[in-house]
ModelCIF file with pLDDT and N, C-alpha, C, O atoms, coordinates in Angstrom:
data_MODEL
#
_entry.id   MODEL 
#
_entity.id                         1 
_entity.type                       polymer 
_entity.pdbx_number_of_molecules   1 
#
_entity_poly.entity_id                      1 
_entity_poly.type                           'polypeptide(L)' 
_entity_poly.nstd_linkage                   no 
_entity_poly.nstd_monomer                   no 
_entity_poly.pdbx_seq_one_letter_code       LNPKPEGVYIDGTVGLGGHSAAILELSAPSGHL 
_entity_poly.pdbx_seq_one_letter_code_can   LNPKPEGVYIDGTVGLGGHSAAILELSAPSGHL 
_entity_poly.pdbx_strand_id                 A 
#
loop_
_entity_poly_seq.entity_id 
_entity_poly_seq.num 
_entity_poly_seq.mon_id 
_entity_poly_seq.hetero 
1 1  LEU n 
1 2  ASN n 
1 3  PRO n 
1 4  LYS n 
1 5  PRO n 
1 6  GLU n 
1 7  GLY n 
1 8  VAL n 
1 9  TYR n 
1 10 ILE n 
1 11 ASP n 
1 12 GLY n 
1 13 THR n 
1 14 VAL n 
1 15 GLY n 
1 16 LEU n 
1 17 GLY n 
1 18 GLY n 
1 19 HIS n 
1 20 SER n 
1 21 ALA n 
1 22 ALA n 
1 23 ILE n 
1 24 LEU n 
1 25 GLU n 
1 26 LEU n 
1 27 SER n 
1 28 ALA n 
1 29 PRO n 
1 30 SER n 
1 31 GLY n 
1 32 HIS n 
1 33 LEU n 
#
_struct_asym.id          A 
_struct_asym.entity_id   1 
#
loop_
_ma_qa_metric.id 
_ma_qa_metric.mode 
_ma_qa_metric.name 
_ma_qa_metric.software_group_id 
_ma_qa_metric.type 
1 global pLDDT . pLDDT 
2 local  pLDDT . pLDDT 
#
_ma_qa_metric_global.metric_id      1 
_ma_qa_metric_global.metric_value   97.12 
_ma_qa_metric_global.model_id       1 
_ma_qa_metric_global.ordinal_id     1 
#
loop_
_ma_qa_metric_local.label_asym_id 
_ma_qa_metric_local.label_comp_id 
_ma_qa_metric_local.label_seq_id 
_ma_qa_metric_local.metric_id 
_ma_qa_metric_local.metric_value 
_ma_qa_metric_local.model_id 
_ma_qa_metric_local.ordinal_id 
A LEU 1  2 98.00 1 1  
A ASN 2  2 98.00 1 2  
A PRO 3  2 98.00 1 3  
A LYS 4  2 97.00 1 4  
A PRO 5  2 97.00 1 5  
A GLU 6  2 94.00 1 6  
A GLY 7  2 98.00 1 7  
A VAL 8  2 98.00 1 8  
A TYR 9  2 98.00 1 9  
A ILE 10 2 98.00 1 10 
A ASP 11 2 98.00 1 11 
A GLY 12 2 98.00 1 12 
A THR 13 2 96.00 1 13 
A VAL 14 2 96.00 1 14 
A GLY 15 2 93.00 1 15 
A LEU 16 2 93.00 1 16 
A GLY 17 2 96.00 1 17 
A GLY 18 2 95.00 1 18 
A HIS 19 2 97.00 1 19 
A SER 20 2 98.00 1 20 
A ALA 21 2 97.00 1 21 
A ALA 22 2 98.00 1 22 
A ILE 23 2 98.00 1 23 
A LEU 24 2 98.00 1 24 
A GLU 25 2 98.00 1 25 
A LEU 26 2 98.00 1 26 
A SER 27 2 98.00 1 27 
A ALA 28 2 98.00 1 28 
A PRO 29 2 97.00 1 29 
A SER 30 2 97.00 1 30 
A GLY 31 2 98.00 1 31 
A HIS 32 2 98.00 1 32 
A LEU 33 2 98.00 1 33 
#
loop_
_atom_site.group_PDB 
_atom_site.id 
_atom_site.type_symbol 
_atom_site.label_atom_id 
_atom_site.label_alt_id 
_atom_site.label_comp_id 
_atom_site.label_asym_id 
_atom_site.label_entity_id 
_atom_site.label_seq_id 
_atom_site.pdbx_PDB_ins_code 
_atom_site.Cartn_x 
_atom_site.Cartn_y 
_atom_site.Cartn_z 
_atom_site.occupancy 
_atom_site.B_iso_or_equiv 
_atom_site.pdbx_formal_charge 
_atom_site.auth_seq_id 
_atom_site.auth_comp_id 
_atom_site.auth_asym_id 
_atom_site.auth_atom_id 
_atom_site.pdbx_PDB_model_num 
ATOM 1   N N  . LEU A 1 1  ? 22.987 53.514 -93.395 1.00 98.00 ? 1  LEU A N  1 
ATOM 2   C CA . LEU A 1 1  ? 22.719 53.777 -91.974 1.00 98.00 ? 1  LEU A CA 1 
ATOM 3   C C  . LEU A 1 1  ? 22.171 55.178 -91.755 1.00 98.00 ? 1  LEU A C  1 
ATOM 4   O O  . LEU A 1 1  ? 21.348 55.403 -90.868 1.00 98.00 ? 1  LEU A O  1 
ATOM 5   N N  . ASN A 1 2  ? 22.639 56.125 -92.578 1.00 98.00 ? 2  ASN A N  1 
ATOM 6   C CA . ASN A 1 2  ? 22.191 57.516 -92.501 1.00 98.00 ? 2  ASN A CA 1 
ATOM 7   C C  . ASN A 1 2  ? 22.276 58.041 -91.067 1.00 98.00 ? 2  ASN A C  1 
ATOM 8   O O  . ASN A 1 2  ? 21.259 58.426 -90.490 1.00 98.00 ? 2  ASN A O  1 
ATOM 9   N N  . PRO A 1 3  ? 23.479 58.058 -90.489 1.00 98.00 ? 3  PRO A N  1 
ATOM 10  C CA . PRO A 1 3  ? 23.627 58.455 -89.082 1.00 98.00 ? 3  PRO A CA 1 
ATOM 11  C C  . PRO A 1 3  ? 23.136 59.872 -88.829 1.00 98.00 ? 3  PRO A C  1 
ATOM 12  O O  . PRO A 1 3  ? 23.381 60.779 -89.624 1.00 98.00 ? 3  PRO A O  1 
ATOM 13  N N  . LYS A 1 4  ? 22.435 60.050 -87.701 1.00 97.00 ? 4  LYS A N  1 
ATOM 14  C CA . LYS A 1 4  ? 21.872 61.349 -87.357 1.00 97.00 ? 4  LYS A CA 1 
ATOM 15  C C  . LYS A 1 4  ? 22.220 61.708 -85.914 1.00 97.00 ? 4  LYS A C  1 
ATOM 16  O O  . LYS A 1 4  ? 22.446 60.822 -85.090 1.00 97.00 ? 4  LYS A O  1 
ATOM 17  N N  . PRO A 1 5  ? 22.264 63.010 -85.607 1.00 97.00 ? 5  PRO A N  1 
ATOM 18  C CA . PRO A 1 5  ? 22.450 63.424 -84.212 1.00 97.00 ? 5  PRO A CA 1 
ATOM 19  C C  . PRO A 1 5  ? 21.357 62.810 -83.345 1.00 97.00 ? 5  PRO A C  1 
ATOM 20  O O  . PRO A 1 5  ? 20.223 62.636 -83.791 1.00 97.00 ? 5  PRO A O  1 
ATOM 21  N N  . GLU A 1 6  ? 21.701 62.489 -82.123 1.00 94.00 ? 6  GLU A N  1 
ATOM 22  C CA . GLU A 1 6  ? 20.816 61.839 -81.151 1.00 94.00 ? 6  GLU A CA 1 
ATOM 23  C C  . GLU A 1 6  ? 20.640 60.342 -81.426 1.00 94.00 ? 6  GLU A C  1 
ATOM 24  O O  . GLU A 1 6  ? 20.067 59.632 -80.599 1.00 94.00 ? 6  GLU A O  1 
ATOM 25  N N  . GLY A 1 7  ? 21.121 59.852 -82.571 1.00 98.00 ? 7  GLY A N  1 
ATOM 26  C CA . GLY A 1 7  ? 20.995 58.436 -82.874 1.00 98.00 ? 7  GLY A CA 1 
ATOM 27  C C  . GLY A 1 7  ? 22.005 57.589 -82.108 1.00 98.00 ? 7  GLY A C  1 
ATOM 28  O O  . GLY A 1 7  ? 23.063 58.073 -81.705 1.00 98.00 ? 7  GLY A O  1 
ATOM 29  N N  . VAL A 1 8  ? 21.660 56.314 -81.914 1.00 98.00 ? 8  VAL A N  1 
ATOM 30  C CA . VAL A 1 8  ? 22.561 55.361 -81.267 1.00 98.00 ? 8  VAL A CA 1 
ATOM 31  C C  . VAL A 1 8  ? 22.829 54.239 -82.259 1.00 98.00 ? 8  VAL A C  1 
ATOM 32  O O  . VAL A 1 8  ? 21.896 53.635 -82.788 1.00 98.00 ? 8  VAL A O  1 
ATOM 33  N N  . TYR A 1 9  ? 24.101 53.961 -82.509 1.00 98.00 ? 9  TYR A N  1 
ATOM 34  C CA . TYR A 1 9  ? 24.486 52.998 -83.531 1.00 98.00 ? 9  TYR A CA 1 
ATOM 35  C C  . TYR A 1 9  ? 25.462 51.972 -82.947 1.00 98.00 ? 9  TYR A C  1 
ATOM 36  O O  . TYR A 1 9  ? 26.238 52.271 -82.040 1.00 98.00 ? 9  TYR A O  1 
ATOM 37  N N  . ILE A 1 10 ? 25.398 50.753 -83.494 1.00 98.00 ? 10 ILE A N  1 
ATOM 38  C CA . ILE A 1 10 ? 26.281 49.679 -83.052 1.00 98.00 ? 10 ILE A CA 1 
ATOM 39  C C  . ILE A 1 10 ? 27.182 49.268 -84.205 1.00 98.00 ? 10 ILE A C  1 
ATOM 40  O O  . ILE A 1 10 ? 26.717 49.011 -85.315 1.00 98.00 ? 10 ILE A O  1 
ATOM 41  N N  . ASP A 1 11 ? 28.462 49.211 -83.930 1.00 98.00 ? 11 ASP A N  1 
ATOM 42  C CA . ASP A 1 11 ? 29.411 48.545 -84.820 1.00 98.00 ? 11 ASP A CA 1 
ATOM 43  C C  . ASP A 1 11 ? 29.786 47.248 -84.113 1.00 98.00 ? 11 ASP A C  1 
ATOM 44  O O  . ASP A 1 11 ? 30.627 47.240 -83.214 1.00 98.00 ? 11 ASP A O  1 
ATOM 45  N N  . GLY A 1 12 ? 29.149 46.149 -84.530 1.00 98.00 ? 12 GLY A N  1 
ATOM 46  C CA . GLY A 1 12 ? 29.285 44.888 -83.815 1.00 98.00 ? 12 GLY A CA 1 
ATOM 47  C C  . GLY A 1 12 ? 30.612 44.197 -83.997 1.00 98.00 ? 12 GLY A C  1 
ATOM 48  O O  . GLY A 1 12 ? 30.928 43.246 -83.283 1.00 98.00 ? 12 GLY A O  1 
ATOM 49  N N  . THR A 1 13 ? 31.391 44.670 -84.949 1.00 96.00 ? 13 THR A N  1 
ATOM 50  C CA . THR A 1 13 ? 32.740 44.139 -85.205 1.00 96.00 ? 13 THR A CA 1 
ATOM 51  C C  . THR A 1 13 ? 33.639 45.346 -85.450 1.00 96.00 ? 13 THR A C  1 
ATOM 52  O O  . THR A 1 13 ? 34.076 45.586 -86.575 1.00 96.00 ? 13 THR A O  1 
ATOM 53  N N  . VAL A 1 14 ? 33.909 46.096 -84.398 1.00 96.00 ? 14 VAL A N  1 
ATOM 54  C CA . VAL A 1 14 ? 34.495 47.425 -84.558 1.00 96.00 ? 14 VAL A CA 1 
ATOM 55  C C  . VAL A 1 14 ? 35.878 47.389 -85.206 1.00 96.00 ? 14 VAL A C  1 
ATOM 56  O O  . VAL A 1 14 ? 36.261 48.346 -85.877 1.00 96.00 ? 14 VAL A O  1 
ATOM 57  N N  . GLY A 1 15 ? 36.640 46.297 -85.018 1.00 93.00 ? 15 GLY A N  1 
ATOM 58  C CA . GLY A 1 15 ? 37.940 46.193 -85.669 1.00 93.00 ? 15 GLY A CA 1 
ATOM 59  C C  . GLY A 1 15 ? 38.829 47.367 -85.328 1.00 93.00 ? 15 GLY A C  1 
ATOM 60  O O  . GLY A 1 15 ? 39.028 47.683 -84.155 1.00 93.00 ? 15 GLY A O  1 
ATOM 61  N N  . LEU A 1 16 ? 39.367 48.018 -86.354 1.00 93.00 ? 16 LEU A N  1 
ATOM 62  C CA . LEU A 1 16 ? 40.265 49.154 -86.138 1.00 93.00 ? 16 LEU A CA 1 
ATOM 63  C C  . LEU A 1 16 ? 39.531 50.490 -86.098 1.00 93.00 ? 16 LEU A C  1 
ATOM 64  O O  . LEU A 1 16 ? 40.164 51.542 -86.003 1.00 93.00 ? 16 LEU A O  1 
ATOM 65  N N  . GLY A 1 17 ? 38.200 50.457 -86.170 1.00 96.00 ? 17 GLY A N  1 
ATOM 66  C CA . GLY A 1 17 ? 37.405 51.656 -85.934 1.00 96.00 ? 17 GLY A CA 1 
ATOM 67  C C  . GLY A 1 17 ? 37.140 52.535 -87.127 1.00 96.00 ? 17 GLY A C  1 
ATOM 68  O O  . GLY A 1 17 ? 36.660 53.656 -86.958 1.00 96.00 ? 17 GLY A O  1 
ATOM 69  N N  . GLY A 1 18 ? 37.433 52.072 -88.336 1.00 95.00 ? 18 GLY A N  1 
ATOM 70  C CA . GLY A 1 18 ? 37.233 52.908 -89.516 1.00 95.00 ? 18 GLY A CA 1 
ATOM 71  C C  . GLY A 1 18 ? 35.774 53.249 -89.780 1.00 95.00 ? 18 GLY A C  1 
ATOM 72  O O  . GLY A 1 18 ? 35.432 54.415 -89.977 1.00 95.00 ? 18 GLY A O  1 
ATOM 73  N N  . HIS A 1 19 ? 34.904 52.224 -89.784 1.00 97.00 ? 19 HIS A N  1 
ATOM 74  C CA . HIS A 1 19 ? 33.474 52.479 -89.978 1.00 97.00 ? 19 HIS A CA 1 
ATOM 75  C C  . HIS A 1 19 ? 32.909 53.298 -88.820 1.00 97.00 ? 19 HIS A C  1 
ATOM 76  O O  . HIS A 1 19 ? 32.091 54.195 -89.023 1.00 97.00 ? 19 HIS A O  1 
ATOM 77  N N  . SER A 1 20 ? 33.351 52.982 -87.612 1.00 98.00 ? 20 SER A N  1 
ATOM 78  C CA . SER A 1 20 ? 32.852 53.688 -86.423 1.00 98.00 ? 20 SER A CA 1 
ATOM 79  C C  . SER A 1 20 ? 33.155 55.174 -86.494 1.00 98.00 ? 20 SER A C  1 
ATOM 80  O O  . SER A 1 20 ? 32.307 56.002 -86.162 1.00 98.00 ? 20 SER A O  1 
ATOM 81  N N  . ALA A 1 21 ? 34.368 55.517 -86.928 1.00 97.00 ? 21 ALA A N  1 
ATOM 82  C CA . ALA A 1 21 ? 34.740 56.924 -87.036 1.00 97.00 ? 21 ALA A CA 1 
ATOM 83  C C  . ALA A 1 21 ? 33.844 57.651 -88.032 1.00 97.00 ? 21 ALA A C  1 
ATOM 84  O O  . ALA A 1 21 ? 33.430 58.784 -87.789 1.00 97.00 ? 21 ALA A O  1 
ATOM 85  N N  . ALA A 1 22 ? 33.544 56.995 -89.154 1.00 98.00 ? 22 ALA A N  1 
ATOM 86  C CA . ALA A 1 22 ? 32.681 57.618 -90.162 1.00 98.00 ? 22 ALA A CA 1 
ATOM 87  C C  . ALA A 1 22 ? 31.273 57.828 -89.622 1.00 98.00 ? 22 ALA A C  1 
ATOM 88  O O  . ALA A 1 22 ? 30.658 58.862 -89.884 1.00 98.00 ? 22 ALA A O  1 
ATOM 89  N N  . ILE A 1 23 ? 30.756 56.857 -88.869 1.00 98.00 ? 23 ILE A N  1 
ATOM 90  C CA . ILE A 1 23 ? 29.416 56.978 -88.277 1.00 98.00 ? 23 ILE A CA 1 
ATOM 91  C C  . ILE A 1 23 ? 29.387 58.124 -87.268 1.00 98.00 ? 23 ILE A C  1 
ATOM 92  O O  . ILE A 1 23 ? 28.432 58.901 -87.231 1.00 98.00 ? 23 ILE A O  1 
ATOM 93  N N  . LEU A 1 24 ? 30.426 58.226 -86.458 1.00 98.00 ? 24 LEU A N  1 
ATOM 94  C CA . LEU A 1 24 ? 30.481 59.294 -85.458 1.00 98.00 ? 24 LEU A CA 1 
ATOM 95  C C  . LEU A 1 24 ? 30.595 60.674 -86.101 1.00 98.00 ? 24 LEU A C  1 
ATOM 96  O O  . LEU A 1 24 ? 29.978 61.633 -85.637 1.00 98.00 ? 24 LEU A O  1 
ATOM 97  N N  . GLU A 1 25 ? 31.374 60.769 -87.154 1.00 98.00 ? 25 GLU A N  1 
ATOM 98  C CA . GLU A 1 25 ? 31.517 62.054 -87.843 1.00 98.00 ? 25 GLU A CA 1 
ATOM 99  C C  . GLU A 1 25 ? 30.179 62.522 -88.394 1.00 98.00 ? 25 GLU A C  1 
ATOM 100 O O  . GLU A 1 25 ? 29.846 63.704 -88.299 1.00 98.00 ? 25 GLU A O  1 
ATOM 101 N N  . LEU A 1 26 ? 29.411 61.602 -88.971 1.00 98.00 ? 26 LEU A N  1 
ATOM 102 C CA . LEU A 1 26 ? 28.157 61.985 -89.611 1.00 98.00 ? 26 LEU A CA 1 
ATOM 103 C C  . LEU A 1 26 ? 27.007 62.130 -88.629 1.00 98.00 ? 26 LEU A C  1 
ATOM 104 O O  . LEU A 1 26 ? 25.969 62.698 -88.968 1.00 98.00 ? 26 LEU A O  1 
ATOM 105 N N  . SER A 1 27 ? 27.183 61.619 -87.411 1.00 98.00 ? 27 SER A N  1 
ATOM 106 C CA . SER A 1 27 ? 26.114 61.759 -86.413 1.00 98.00 ? 27 SER A CA 1 
ATOM 107 C C  . SER A 1 27 ? 26.412 62.872 -85.406 1.00 98.00 ? 27 SER A C  1 
ATOM 108 O O  . SER A 1 27 ? 25.752 62.979 -84.373 1.00 98.00 ? 27 SER A O  1 
ATOM 109 N N  . ALA A 1 28 ? 27.407 63.691 -85.716 1.00 98.00 ? 28 ALA A N  1 
ATOM 110 C CA . ALA A 1 28 ? 27.743 64.812 -84.840 1.00 98.00 ? 28 ALA A CA 1 
ATOM 111 C C  . ALA A 1 28 ? 26.564 65.781 -84.749 1.00 98.00 ? 28 ALA A C  1 
ATOM 112 O O  . ALA A 1 28 ? 25.804 65.897 -85.710 1.00 98.00 ? 28 ALA A O  1 
ATOM 113 N N  . PRO A 1 29 ? 26.389 66.469 -83.641 1.00 97.00 ? 29 PRO A N  1 
ATOM 114 C CA . PRO A 1 29 ? 27.323 66.524 -82.506 1.00 97.00 ? 29 PRO A CA 1 
ATOM 115 C C  . PRO A 1 29 ? 26.977 65.578 -81.364 1.00 97.00 ? 29 PRO A C  1 
ATOM 116 O O  . PRO A 1 29 ? 27.708 65.519 -80.376 1.00 97.00 ? 29 PRO A O  1 
ATOM 117 N N  . SER A 1 30 ? 25.861 64.824 -81.480 1.00 97.00 ? 30 SER A N  1 
ATOM 118 C CA . SER A 1 30 ? 25.405 64.094 -80.288 1.00 97.00 ? 30 SER A CA 1 
ATOM 119 C C  . SER A 1 30 ? 25.120 62.617 -80.521 1.00 97.00 ? 30 SER A C  1 
ATOM 120 O O  . SER A 1 30 ? 24.663 61.931 -79.606 1.00 97.00 ? 30 SER A O  1 
ATOM 121 N N  . GLY A 1 31 ? 25.380 62.109 -81.730 1.00 98.00 ? 31 GLY A N  1 
ATOM 122 C CA . GLY A 1 31 ? 25.168 60.686 -81.976 1.00 98.00 ? 31 GLY A CA 1 
ATOM 123 C C  . GLY A 1 31 ? 26.140 59.840 -81.169 1.00 98.00 ? 31 GLY A C  1 
ATOM 124 O O  . GLY A 1 31 ? 27.252 60.269 -80.863 1.00 98.00 ? 31 GLY A O  1 
ATOM 125 N N  . HIS A 1 32 ? 25.702 58.629 -80.829 1.00 98.00 ? 32 HIS A N  1 
ATOM 126 C CA . HIS A 1 32 ? 26.525 57.748 -80.002 1.00 98.00 ? 32 HIS A CA 1 
ATOM 127 C C  . HIS A 1 32 ? 26.801 56.449 -80.738 1.00 98.00 ? 32 HIS A C  1 
ATOM 128 O O  . HIS A 1 32 ? 25.916 55.893 -81.388 1.00 98.00 ? 32 HIS A O  1 
ATOM 129 N N  . LEU A 1 33 ? 28.039 55.967 -80.634 1.00 98.00 ? 33 LEU A N  1 
ATOM 130 C CA . LEU A 1 33 ? 28.479 54.721 -81.278 1.00 98.00 ? 33 LEU A CA 1 
ATOM 131 C C  . LEU A 1 33 ? 28.930 53.734 -80.211 1.00 98.00 ? 33 LEU A C  1 
ATOM 132 O O  . LEU A 1 33 ? 29.340 52.620 -80.534 1.00 98.00 ? 33 LEU A O  1 
#
């Protein structure tokens, strides 16, 4: 996925949020999940 700041990403099966947290951490400070 290579998350980047300003990027918008979808976790279509967010579950307990583990993947989502990793995407948000790597897309800081302005990426959106």
